[in-house]
Amino acid sequence: MEFLPNLLIPNSATTLITWLNLRKNPERWVKAKTIPDAILGIPAQVWFELAFLLLAAAVVWLLITHTRRALPLVPANWLGKGQLLYLVFLWWMVAGNFERAVVSFAPQRLVTEGVVFLNAVICTLILLLHTRSRDEEQAIDRKPSSEFPALIKKTAVVGLIAAMVSVAADWGIVRAIYGDTFAGFAGRHIRFGPTATATTEKPKEGQPHP
C-alpha cells in the first residue's frame, strides 16, 4: 500500500480537473437542443454528474486493486506510469472539448478544434518517441518511493509561484503598453468603479452582453 498515495493523488487530480472543465458541456448540449433539459424527470446536468461520479469511483477502485494485484494495463516502471497518466489526461480533455463544440459546429471551428487536435498529436509523438537508455530507466525505477511526496509538493509550490508570476507579468506588460487607454479590437468591459460599463441587470435574449 506504500504506492497508493503516489497513484491516487495524480489520478484523482486528473479526474477532478476534467470534471471541473467538462461539467459545463451539458449546458451547451441543452442550449443547442441536442439533448432535452431533463431525461426521465432528471436534469441533464445531474445525469452528467452521476456518470462522472461513477467513473471516478471506478478509477479509485482500479487504483486500489492495482496496489494488491498489478493490472496489466499499468506499466511496470514510473516512466511508463507518467506517460500513461499524461496521455489519458490529454486525450480525455481533447475528446471532452470536441464533444462540447460538435453540437454547434461551424466552419471556423475547424481552426480551433483542428489546432487542439494537432497539438495533442504532436504532444503524443514527442512523449512516446522520447526514449531513455536502459540505465536511465533502471535509475528511475530504483528511485525510493519516499521521495515522490516531497517531489509532488515541490512541483505544486513551483507551479503555483510560476502561475502567479506569469499572471502578474502579463498584467504588468498590458498596463505598461496600454495604461488606461482602451486597446480596441474588442468590447470595453469595466466591472467596478465609477467608469464601470457592466450592469447588474441580465441582458435580454438577443441583446449583447454589456
C-alpha atoms as a PDB file:
ATOM      1  CA  MET A   1       0.000   0.000   0.000  1.00  0.00           C
ATOM      2  CA  GLU A   2       3.023   2.324   0.125  1.00  0.00           C
ATOM      3  CA  PHE A   3       2.462   3.357  -3.514  1.00  0.00           C
ATOM      4  CA  LEU A   4      -1.228   4.145  -3.021  1.00  0.00           C
ATOM      5  CA  PRO A   5      -0.806   7.901  -2.297  1.00  0.00           C
ATOM      6  CA  ASN A   6       1.528   8.253  -5.301  1.00  0.00           C
ATOM      7  CA  LEU A   7      -1.133   6.688  -7.517  1.00  0.00           C
ATOM      8  CA  LEU A   8      -4.267   8.220  -6.024  1.00  0.00           C
ATOM      9  CA  ILE A   9      -3.101  11.836  -5.837  1.00  0.00           C
ATOM     10  CA  PRO A  10      -2.296  12.438  -9.555  1.00  0.00           C
ATOM     11  CA  ASN A  11      -5.126  10.255 -10.870  1.00  0.00           C
ATOM     12  CA  SER A  12      -7.699  11.784  -8.532  1.00  0.00           C
ATOM     13  CA  ALA A  13      -6.479  15.240  -9.539  1.00  0.00           C
ATOM     14  CA  THR A  14      -6.886  14.275 -13.204  1.00  0.00           C
ATOM     15  CA  THR A  15     -10.475  13.173 -12.633  1.00  0.00           C
ATOM     16  CA  LEU A  16     -11.268  16.344 -10.655  1.00  0.00           C
ATOM     17  CA  ILE A  17      -9.741  18.684 -13.252  1.00  0.00           C
ATOM     18  CA  THR A  18     -11.556  17.017 -16.144  1.00  0.00           C
ATOM     19  CA  TRP A  19     -14.822  17.185 -14.219  1.00  0.00           C
ATOM     20  CA  LEU A  20     -14.394  20.910 -13.499  1.00  0.00           C
ATOM     21  CA  ASN A  21     -13.771  21.597 -17.192  1.00  0.00           C
ATOM     22  CA  LEU A  22     -16.294  19.237 -18.779  1.00  0.00           C
ATOM     23  CA  ARG A  23     -19.234  19.713 -16.421  1.00  0.00           C
ATOM     24  CA  LYS A  24     -20.210  22.765 -18.495  1.00  0.00           C
ATOM     25  CA  ASN A  25     -20.874  20.585 -21.550  1.00  0.00           C
ATOM     26  CA  PRO A  26     -24.489  19.586 -20.704  1.00  0.00           C
ATOM     27  CA  GLU A  27     -25.488  23.259 -20.634  1.00  0.00           C
ATOM     28  CA  ARG A  28     -24.126  23.668 -24.172  1.00  0.00           C
ATOM     29  CA  TRP A  29     -25.890  20.483 -25.355  1.00  0.00           C
ATOM     30  CA  VAL A  30     -29.229  21.599 -23.928  1.00  0.00           C
ATOM     31  CA  LYS A  31     -28.844  25.074 -25.416  1.00  0.00           C
ATOM     32  CA  ALA A  32     -28.145  23.540 -28.844  1.00  0.00           C
ATOM     33  CA  LYS A  33     -31.261  21.361 -28.361  1.00  0.00           C
ATOM     34  CA  THR A  34     -29.299  18.168 -28.997  1.00  0.00           C
ATOM     35  CA  ILE A  35     -30.493  16.692 -25.703  1.00  0.00           C
ATOM     36  CA  PRO A  36     -33.575  17.540 -23.599  1.00  0.00           C
ATOM     37  CA  ASP A  37     -33.250  19.625 -20.477  1.00  0.00           C
ATOM     38  CA  ALA A  38     -34.451  16.642 -18.420  1.00  0.00           C
ATOM     39  CA  ILE A  39     -34.463  12.905 -19.089  1.00  0.00           C
ATOM     40  CA  LEU A  40     -36.936  10.737 -17.131  1.00  0.00           C
ATOM     41  CA  GLY A  41     -37.609  13.761 -14.976  1.00  0.00           C
ATOM     42  CA  ILE A  42     -33.933  14.179 -14.026  1.00  0.00           C
ATOM     43  CA  PRO A  43     -31.972  17.225 -15.316  1.00  0.00           C
ATOM     44  CA  ALA A  44     -29.296  16.504 -17.914  1.00  0.00           C
ATOM     45  CA  GLN A  45     -26.687  18.097 -15.633  1.00  0.00           C
ATOM     46  CA  VAL A  46     -27.496  15.595 -12.877  1.00  0.00           C
ATOM     47  CA  TRP A  47     -27.110  12.690 -15.315  1.00  0.00           C
ATOM     48  CA  PHE A  48     -23.675  14.048 -16.244  1.00  0.00           C
ATOM     49  CA  GLU A  49     -22.618  14.412 -12.595  1.00  0.00           C
ATOM     50  CA  LEU A  50     -23.767  10.861 -11.800  1.00  0.00           C
ATOM     51  CA  ALA A  51     -21.851   9.458 -14.773  1.00  0.00           C
ATOM     52  CA  PHE A  52     -18.680  11.277 -13.738  1.00  0.00           C
ATOM     53  CA  LEU A  53     -19.105  10.126 -10.124  1.00  0.00           C
ATOM     54  CA  LEU A  54     -19.408   6.539 -11.324  1.00  0.00           C
ATOM     55  CA  LEU A  55     -16.263   6.966 -13.437  1.00  0.00           C
ATOM     56  CA  ALA A  56     -14.334   8.466 -10.505  1.00  0.00           C
ATOM     57  CA  ALA A  57     -15.357   5.563  -8.263  1.00  0.00           C
ATOM     58  CA  ALA A  58     -14.200   3.086 -10.921  1.00  0.00           C
ATOM     59  CA  VAL A  59     -10.818   4.840 -11.236  1.00  0.00           C
ATOM     60  CA  VAL A  60     -10.239   4.777  -7.462  1.00  0.00           C
ATOM     61  CA  TRP A  61     -11.319   1.135  -7.272  1.00  0.00           C
ATOM     62  CA  LEU A  62      -8.903   0.139 -10.052  1.00  0.00           C
ATOM     63  CA  LEU A  63      -6.032   2.024  -8.418  1.00  0.00           C
ATOM     64  CA  ILE A  64      -6.612   0.328  -5.072  1.00  0.00           C
ATOM     65  CA  THR A  65      -6.824  -3.037  -6.826  1.00  0.00           C
ATOM     66  CA  HIS A  66      -3.554  -2.285  -8.628  1.00  0.00           C
ATOM     67  CA  THR A  67      -1.724  -1.962  -5.282  1.00  0.00           C
ATOM     68  CA  ARG A  68      -2.779  -5.520  -4.407  1.00  0.00           C
ATOM     69  CA  ARG A  69      -2.681  -7.156  -7.825  1.00  0.00           C
ATOM     70  CA  ALA A  70      -0.878  -5.354 -10.641  1.00  0.00           C
ATOM     71  CA  LEU A  71      -3.141  -4.550 -13.568  1.00  0.00           C
ATOM     72  CA  PRO A  72      -1.590  -5.447 -16.955  1.00  0.00           C
ATOM     73  CA  LEU A  73      -2.627  -2.060 -18.345  1.00  0.00           C
ATOM     74  CA  VAL A  74      -0.413  -0.120 -15.917  1.00  0.00           C
ATOM     75  CA  PRO A  75       3.297  -0.064 -16.918  1.00  0.00           C
ATOM     76  CA  ALA A  76       5.812  -1.546 -14.502  1.00  0.00           C
ATOM     77  CA  ASN A  77       8.168   1.459 -14.343  1.00  0.00           C
ATOM     78  CA  TRP A  78       7.494   5.033 -13.269  1.00  0.00           C
ATOM     79  CA  LEU A  79       8.321   6.460 -16.681  1.00  0.00           C
ATOM     80  CA  GLY A  80       5.548   4.388 -18.244  1.00  0.00           C
ATOM     81  CA  LYS A  81       3.138   5.323 -15.454  1.00  0.00           C
ATOM     82  CA  GLY A  82       3.808   9.012 -16.061  1.00  0.00           C
ATOM     83  CA  GLN A  83       3.348   8.652 -19.818  1.00  0.00           C
ATOM     84  CA  LEU A  84       0.055   6.792 -19.344  1.00  0.00           C
ATOM     85  CA  LEU A  85      -1.253   9.432 -16.928  1.00  0.00           C
ATOM     86  CA  TYR A  86      -0.327  12.243 -19.314  1.00  0.00           C
ATOM     87  CA  LEU A  87      -1.872  10.595 -22.363  1.00  0.00           C
ATOM     88  CA  VAL A  88      -5.118   9.730 -20.558  1.00  0.00           C
ATOM     89  CA  PHE A  89      -5.474  13.300 -19.295  1.00  0.00           C
ATOM     90  CA  LEU A  90      -4.533  14.810 -22.675  1.00  0.00           C
ATOM     91  CA  TRP A  91      -6.966  12.822 -24.813  1.00  0.00           C
ATOM     92  CA  TRP A  92      -9.687  12.952 -22.161  1.00  0.00           C
ATOM     93  CA  MET A  93      -9.678  16.735 -22.458  1.00  0.00           C
ATOM     94  CA  VAL A  94      -9.392  16.693 -26.260  1.00  0.00           C
ATOM     95  CA  ALA A  95     -12.442  14.412 -26.518  1.00  0.00           C
ATOM     96  CA  GLY A  96     -14.372  16.477 -23.971  1.00  0.00           C
ATOM     97  CA  ASN A  97     -13.557  19.711 -25.777  1.00  0.00           C
ATOM     98  CA  PHE A  98     -14.684  18.259 -29.103  1.00  0.00           C
ATOM     99  CA  GLU A  99     -17.979  16.916 -27.756  1.00  0.00           C
ATOM    100  CA  ARG A 100     -18.685  20.380 -26.361  1.00  0.00           C
ATOM    101  CA  ALA A 101     -18.120  22.021 -29.762  1.00  0.00           C
ATOM    102  CA  VAL A 102     -19.584  19.392 -32.094  1.00  0.00           C
ATOM    103  CA  VAL A 103     -23.231  20.172 -31.227  1.00  0.00           C
ATOM    104  CA  SER A 104     -22.912  23.659 -32.744  1.00  0.00           C
ATOM    105  CA  PHE A 105     -20.053  23.102 -35.162  1.00  0.00           C
ATOM    106  CA  ALA A 106     -19.278  25.744 -37.787  1.00  0.00           C
ATOM    107  CA  PRO A 107     -16.545  26.106 -40.439  1.00  0.00           C
ATOM    108  CA  GLN A 108     -14.477  28.425 -38.234  1.00  0.00           C
ATOM    109  CA  ARG A 109     -14.397  25.747 -35.548  1.00  0.00           C
ATOM    110  CA  LEU A 110     -12.172  23.709 -37.860  1.00  0.00           C
ATOM    111  CA  VAL A 111      -9.337  26.075 -36.987  1.00  0.00           C
ATOM    112  CA  THR A 112      -9.685  25.995 -33.209  1.00  0.00           C
ATOM    113  CA  GLU A 113     -10.585  22.327 -32.867  1.00  0.00           C
ATOM    114  CA  GLY A 114      -8.061  21.360 -35.524  1.00  0.00           C
ATOM    115  CA  VAL A 115      -5.252  23.177 -33.699  1.00  0.00           C
ATOM    116  CA  VAL A 116      -6.211  21.498 -30.408  1.00  0.00           C
ATOM    117  CA  PHE A 117      -6.184  18.082 -32.094  1.00  0.00           C
ATOM    118  CA  LEU A 118      -2.903  18.746 -33.913  1.00  0.00           C
ATOM    119  CA  ASN A 119      -1.196  19.866 -30.694  1.00  0.00           C
ATOM    120  CA  ALA A 120      -2.403  16.707 -28.953  1.00  0.00           C
ATOM    121  CA  VAL A 121      -0.991  14.544 -31.739  1.00  0.00           C
ATOM    122  CA  ILE A 122       2.354  16.364 -31.603  1.00  0.00           C
ATOM    123  CA  CYS A 123       2.499  16.052 -27.806  1.00  0.00           C
ATOM    124  CA  THR A 124       1.767  12.331 -28.078  1.00  0.00           C
ATOM    125  CA  LEU A 125       4.573  11.812 -30.581  1.00  0.00           C
ATOM    126  CA  ILE A 126       7.064  13.846 -28.548  1.00  0.00           C
ATOM    127  CA  LEU A 127       6.175  11.942 -25.389  1.00  0.00           C
ATOM    128  CA  LEU A 128       6.353   8.443 -26.818  1.00  0.00           C
ATOM    129  CA  LEU A 129       9.311   8.957 -29.160  1.00  0.00           C
ATOM    130  CA  HIS A 130      11.451  10.380 -26.365  1.00  0.00           C
ATOM    131  CA  THR A 131      13.251   7.225 -25.264  1.00  0.00           C
ATOM    132  CA  ARG A 132      15.676   6.726 -22.443  1.00  0.00           C
ATOM    133  CA  SER A 133      18.540   4.330 -22.109  1.00  0.00           C
ATOM    134  CA  ARG A 134      18.034   1.188 -20.044  1.00  0.00           C
ATOM    135  CA  ASP A 135      20.348   2.548 -17.325  1.00  0.00           C
ATOM    136  CA  GLU A 136      18.248   5.715 -17.038  1.00  0.00           C
ATOM    137  CA  GLU A 137      15.025   3.714 -16.771  1.00  0.00           C
ATOM    138  CA  GLN A 138      16.521   1.472 -14.114  1.00  0.00           C
ATOM    139  CA  ALA A 139      17.669   4.548 -12.198  1.00  0.00           C
ATOM    140  CA  ILE A 140      14.109   5.888 -12.270  1.00  0.00           C
ATOM    141  CA  ASP A 141      12.720   2.545 -11.076  1.00  0.00           C
ATOM    142  CA  ARG A 142      15.262   2.404  -8.231  1.00  0.00           C
ATOM    143  CA  LYS A 143      14.274   5.874  -7.004  1.00  0.00           C
ATOM    144  CA  PRO A 144      12.871   5.459  -3.465  1.00  0.00           C
ATOM    145  CA  SER A 145       9.118   5.965  -3.350  1.00  0.00           C
ATOM    146  CA  SER A 146       9.522   8.106  -0.218  1.00  0.00           C
ATOM    147  CA  GLU A 147      10.963  10.888  -2.382  1.00  0.00           C
ATOM    148  CA  PHE A 148       7.841  11.247  -4.520  1.00  0.00           C
ATOM    149  CA  PRO A 149       5.602  13.030  -1.938  1.00  0.00           C
ATOM    150  CA  ALA A 150       8.307  15.655  -1.453  1.00  0.00           C
ATOM    151  CA  LEU A 151       8.691  15.965  -5.225  1.00  0.00           C
ATOM    152  CA  ILE A 152       4.936  16.419  -5.654  1.00  0.00           C
ATOM    153  CA  LYS A 153       4.889  19.177  -3.003  1.00  0.00           C
ATOM    154  CA  LYS A 154       7.867  20.901  -4.606  1.00  0.00           C
ATOM    155  CA  THR A 155       6.216  20.717  -8.030  1.00  0.00           C
ATOM    156  CA  ALA A 156       2.963  22.172  -6.656  1.00  0.00           C
ATOM    157  CA  VAL A 157       4.797  25.074  -4.968  1.00  0.00           C
ATOM    158  CA  VAL A 158       6.916  25.858  -8.039  1.00  0.00           C
ATOM    159  CA  GLY A 159       3.844  25.634 -10.295  1.00  0.00           C
ATOM    160  CA  LEU A 160       1.863  27.999  -8.055  1.00  0.00           C
ATOM    161  CA  ILE A 161       4.692  30.536  -7.928  1.00  0.00           C
ATOM    162  CA  ALA A 162       5.168  30.320 -11.716  1.00  0.00           C
ATOM    163  CA  ALA A 163       1.442  30.857 -12.286  1.00  0.00           C
ATOM    164  CA  MET A 164       1.387  33.925 -10.019  1.00  0.00           C
ATOM    165  CA  VAL A 165       4.486  35.386 -11.658  1.00  0.00           C
ATOM    166  CA  SER A 166       3.161  34.803 -15.187  1.00  0.00           C
ATOM    167  CA  VAL A 167      -0.215  36.390 -14.375  1.00  0.00           C
ATOM    168  CA  ALA A 168       1.479  39.388 -12.735  1.00  0.00           C
ATOM    169  CA  ALA A 169       3.889  39.745 -15.671  1.00  0.00           C
ATOM    170  CA  ASP A 170       1.034  39.568 -18.190  1.00  0.00           C
ATOM    171  CA  TRP A 171      -0.909  42.218 -16.268  1.00  0.00           C
ATOM    172  CA  GLY A 172       2.189  44.418 -15.984  1.00  0.00           C
ATOM    173  CA  ILE A 173       3.013  44.181 -19.697  1.00  0.00           C
ATOM    174  CA  VAL A 174      -0.549  45.070 -20.721  1.00  0.00           C
ATOM    175  CA  ARG A 175      -0.617  48.012 -18.307  1.00  0.00           C
ATOM    176  CA  ALA A 176       2.797  49.198 -19.494  1.00  0.00           C
ATOM    177  CA  ILE A 177       1.692  49.160 -23.138  1.00  0.00           C
ATOM    178  CA  TYR A 178      -1.863  50.495 -22.858  1.00  0.00           C
ATOM    179  CA  GLY A 179      -2.195  52.029 -19.391  1.00  0.00           C
ATOM    180  CA  ASP A 180      -5.772  53.302 -19.003  1.00  0.00           C
ATOM    181  CA  THR A 181      -6.196  53.626 -22.770  1.00  0.00           C
ATOM    182  CA  PHE A 182      -8.711  51.337 -24.440  1.00  0.00           C
ATOM    183  CA  ALA A 183      -6.793  48.797 -26.539  1.00  0.00           C
ATOM    184  CA  GLY A 184      -9.523  48.439 -29.150  1.00  0.00           C
ATOM    185  CA  PHE A 185     -10.487  45.388 -31.211  1.00  0.00           C
ATOM    186  CA  ALA A 186     -12.943  44.242 -28.508  1.00  0.00           C
ATOM    187  CA  GLY A 187     -15.712  45.421 -26.255  1.00  0.00           C
ATOM    188  CA  ARG A 188     -14.828  47.725 -23.378  1.00  0.00           C
ATOM    189  CA  HIS A 189     -15.504  45.839 -20.135  1.00  0.00           C
ATOM    190  CA  ILE A 190     -15.066  47.528 -16.770  1.00  0.00           C
ATOM    191  CA  ARG A 191     -16.876  45.768 -13.929  1.00  0.00           C
ATOM    192  CA  PHE A 192     -16.137  48.023 -10.960  1.00  0.00           C
ATOM    193  CA  GLY A 193     -15.602  51.694 -10.214  1.00  0.00           C
ATOM    194  CA  PRO A 194     -17.152  54.924 -11.476  1.00  0.00           C
ATOM    195  CA  THR A 195     -16.366  54.093 -15.111  1.00  0.00           C
ATOM    196  CA  ALA A 196     -17.902  50.609 -14.971  1.00  0.00           C
ATOM    197  CA  THR A 197     -19.597  49.538 -18.184  1.00  0.00           C
ATOM    198  CA  ALA A 198     -21.152  46.359 -16.768  1.00  0.00           C
ATOM    199  CA  THR A 199     -24.662  46.460 -15.345  1.00  0.00           C
ATOM    200  CA  THR A 200     -26.254  44.314 -12.686  1.00  0.00           C
ATOM    201  CA  GLU A 201     -29.197  43.527 -14.941  1.00  0.00           C
ATOM    202  CA  LYS A 202     -29.039  40.416 -17.068  1.00  0.00           C
ATOM    203  CA  PRO A 203     -29.281  41.298 -20.790  1.00  0.00           C
ATOM    204  CA  LYS A 204     -32.443  40.171 -22.546  1.00  0.00           C
ATOM    205  CA  GLU A 205     -32.368  37.414 -25.127  1.00  0.00           C
ATOM    206  CA  GLY A 206     -30.849  38.618 -28.393  1.00  0.00           C
ATOM    207  CA  GLN A 207     -29.127  41.619 -26.783  1.00  0.00           C
ATOM    208  CA  PRO A 208     -25.314  41.797 -26.433  1.00  0.00           C
ATOM    209  CA  HIS A 209     -23.801  41.379 -23.005  1.00  0.00           C
ATOM    210  CA  PRO A 210     -22.577  44.699 -21.534  1.00  0.00           C
END
